[in-house]
Amino acid sequence: MEDIRCGHCGRKLAAVRGFIELQIKCPRCRTLNHLKAESLLKPPSSAQSHQEASCTPNRSSPG
């Protein structure tokens, strides 16, 4: 879980496991904290392995 703290006074506002968008008004300083997720969830591991399998090595580069 991730702690959500006020951007102005640093007070802990919540503990969350995941969110897309969140607005919390700090009870101490009355600042409206608006947070958005940094990235979307990662694709399933089966999709990643399929993408990796479809890549062909570059024969012109060493390695």
Protein backbone atom coordinates (compact mmCIF):
# COMPACT_ATOMS: atom_id res chain seq x y z
CA MET A 1 0.00 0.00 0.00
CA GLU A 2 1.11 3.52 -0.75
CA ASP A 3 0.73 6.47 1.63
CA ILE A 4 -0.92 9.58 0.18
CA ARG A 5 0.33 12.77 1.83
CA CYS A 6 -0.74 16.38 1.49
CA GLY A 7 1.42 18.25 -1.01
CA HIS A 8 1.31 21.38 1.16
CA CYS A 9 1.71 20.31 4.80
CA GLY A 10 2.75 16.64 4.46
CA ARG A 11 -0.06 15.19 6.59
CA LYS A 12 -0.92 11.56 5.79
CA LEU A 13 -4.32 11.57 4.10
CA ALA A 14 -4.79 7.95 3.04
CA ALA A 15 -3.21 4.61 2.30
CA VAL A 16 -4.17 3.19 -1.09
CA ARG A 17 -3.41 0.08 -3.08
CA GLY A 18 -4.24 1.48 -6.51
CA PHE A 19 -6.07 4.37 -8.09
CA ILE A 20 -6.56 6.09 -11.42
CA GLU A 21 -7.55 9.52 -10.14
CA LEU A 22 -7.98 10.76 -6.58
CA GLN A 23 -8.98 14.06 -4.93
CA ILE A 24 -8.56 14.53 -1.18
CA LYS A 25 -9.02 17.76 0.78
CA CYS A 26 -6.56 18.01 3.67
CA PRO A 27 -8.38 18.55 6.99
CA ARG A 28 -5.37 20.39 8.43
CA CYS A 29 -4.56 23.02 5.79
CA ARG A 30 -7.62 22.69 3.48
CA THR A 31 -5.49 22.09 0.37
CA LEU A 32 -7.23 20.10 -2.37
CA ASN A 33 -4.83 17.35 -3.41
CA HIS A 34 -5.48 15.97 -6.91
CA LEU A 35 -3.51 12.86 -7.86
CA LYS A 36 -3.49 10.81 -11.06
CA ALA A 37 -1.91 7.42 -11.68
CA GLU A 38 1.54 7.63 -13.28
CA SER A 39 0.92 4.73 -15.63
CA LEU A 40 -1.73 2.19 -16.49
CA LEU A 41 -1.52 -1.38 -15.31
CA LYS A 42 1.05 -3.52 -17.09
CA PRO A 43 -0.27 -5.97 -19.69
CA PRO A 44 -0.61 -9.63 -18.62
CA SER A 45 2.55 -11.73 -18.71
CA SER A 46 1.15 -13.84 -21.58
CA ALA A 47 0.94 -10.70 -23.75
CA GLN A 48 4.53 -9.74 -22.90
CA SER A 49 5.92 -13.17 -23.75
CA HIS A 50 4.05 -13.10 -27.08
CA GLN A 51 5.59 -9.72 -27.96
CA GLU A 52 9.06 -10.90 -27.00
CA ALA A 53 8.71 -14.05 -29.08
CA SER A 54 7.73 -12.07 -32.20
CA CYS A 55 10.91 -9.94 -32.11
CA THR A 56 13.64 -10.98 -34.52
CA PRO A 57 17.32 -10.36 -33.72
CA ASN A 58 19.16 -7.68 -35.68
CA ARG A 59 21.85 -9.58 -37.58
CA SER A 60 23.79 -6.45 -38.50
CA SER A 61 24.65 -5.63 -34.86
CA PRO A 62 27.13 -7.67 -32.81
CA GLY A 63 25.81 -9.78 -29.95
